[in-house]
Amino acid sequence: MTKGDKVTFPFAKKTMEGIVEQVNQKTVYIKADFPKDKGKLIRRKIKDVK
């Protein structure tokens, strides 16, 4: 997993897509587009992201 990859992540009992912005040792920061908030930055554990 590197910066710029498209990934899916769990959010509110469904899965969403986003683009990886930053990868740390155990967490990953994902930029995702929500209906009312475009380009929101989300933090997830690496094991939860596919």
C-alpha atoms as a PDB file:
ATOM      1  CA  MET A   1       0.000   0.000   0.000  1.00  0.00           C
ATOM      2  CA  THR A   2       1.463   3.311  -1.099  1.00  0.00           C
ATOM      3  CA  LYS A   3       0.293   6.886  -1.536  1.00  0.00           C
ATOM      4  CA  GLY A   4      -2.191   7.229  -4.386  1.00  0.00           C
ATOM      5  CA  ASP A   5      -3.613   3.686  -4.226  1.00  0.00           C
ATOM      6  CA  LYS A   6      -7.393   3.220  -4.322  1.00  0.00           C
ATOM      7  CA  VAL A   7      -8.668   1.246  -1.327  1.00  0.00           C
ATOM      8  CA  THR A   8     -11.965   0.258   0.282  1.00  0.00           C
ATOM      9  CA  PHE A   9     -12.657   0.782   3.969  1.00  0.00           C
ATOM     10  CA  PRO A  10     -15.575   0.142   6.348  1.00  0.00           C
ATOM     11  CA  PHE A  11     -17.816   3.068   7.223  1.00  0.00           C
ATOM     12  CA  ALA A  12     -21.270   2.944   8.866  1.00  0.00           C
ATOM     13  CA  LYS A  13     -22.072  -0.707   8.030  1.00  0.00           C
ATOM     14  CA  LYS A  14     -21.024  -0.318   4.383  1.00  0.00           C
ATOM     15  CA  THR A  15     -17.804  -0.013   2.426  1.00  0.00           C
ATOM     16  CA  MET A  16     -16.525   3.127   0.762  1.00  0.00           C
ATOM     17  CA  GLU A  17     -13.658   3.884  -1.610  1.00  0.00           C
ATOM     18  CA  GLY A  18     -10.899   6.384  -1.129  1.00  0.00           C
ATOM     19  CA  ILE A  19      -7.338   7.275  -2.068  1.00  0.00           C
ATOM     20  CA  VAL A  20      -4.417   6.687   0.299  1.00  0.00           C
ATOM     21  CA  GLU A  21      -2.806   9.941   1.436  1.00  0.00           C
ATOM     22  CA  GLN A  22      -0.336   8.746   4.086  1.00  0.00           C
ATOM     23  CA  VAL A  23       0.796   5.370   5.435  1.00  0.00           C
ATOM     24  CA  ASN A  24       2.222   5.037   8.942  1.00  0.00           C
ATOM     25  CA  GLN A  25       3.338   1.979  10.882  1.00  0.00           C
ATOM     26  CA  LYS A  26      -0.161   0.854  11.966  1.00  0.00           C
ATOM     27  CA  THR A  27      -2.519   3.450  10.473  1.00  0.00           C
ATOM     28  CA  VAL A  28      -3.419   4.768   7.065  1.00  0.00           C
ATOM     29  CA  TYR A  29      -4.948   8.135   6.146  1.00  0.00           C
ATOM     30  CA  ILE A  30      -7.527   8.015   3.350  1.00  0.00           C
ATOM     31  CA  LYS A  31      -9.087  10.890   1.412  1.00  0.00           C
ATOM     32  CA  ALA A  32     -12.729  10.072   0.613  1.00  0.00           C
ATOM     33  CA  ASP A  33     -15.679  11.911  -0.891  1.00  0.00           C
ATOM     34  CA  PHE A  34     -18.804  11.975   1.249  1.00  0.00           C
ATOM     35  CA  PRO A  35     -22.114  13.438   0.014  1.00  0.00           C
ATOM     36  CA  LYS A  36     -21.804  16.579   2.148  1.00  0.00           C
ATOM     37  CA  ASP A  37     -18.032  16.657   2.666  1.00  0.00           C
ATOM     38  CA  LYS A  38     -15.804  16.220  -0.385  1.00  0.00           C
ATOM     39  CA  GLY A  39     -12.171  15.304   0.250  1.00  0.00           C
ATOM     40  CA  LYS A  40     -12.553  14.327   3.919  1.00  0.00           C
ATOM     41  CA  LEU A  41      -9.493  12.754   5.530  1.00  0.00           C
ATOM     42  CA  ILE A  42     -10.185   9.509   7.413  1.00  0.00           C
ATOM     43  CA  ARG A  43      -7.844   7.483   9.644  1.00  0.00           C
ATOM     44  CA  ARG A  44      -8.130   3.683   9.715  1.00  0.00           C
ATOM     45  CA  LYS A  45      -5.998   0.784  10.909  1.00  0.00           C
ATOM     46  CA  ILE A  46      -4.065  -0.939   8.140  1.00  0.00           C
ATOM     47  CA  LYS A  47      -5.650  -4.304   8.985  1.00  0.00           C
ATOM     48  CA  ASP A  48      -9.155  -2.853   8.341  1.00  0.00           C
ATOM     49  CA  VAL A  49      -8.330  -1.481   4.875  1.00  0.00           C
ATOM     50  CA  LYS A  50      -8.481  -3.706   1.789  1.00  0.00           C
END
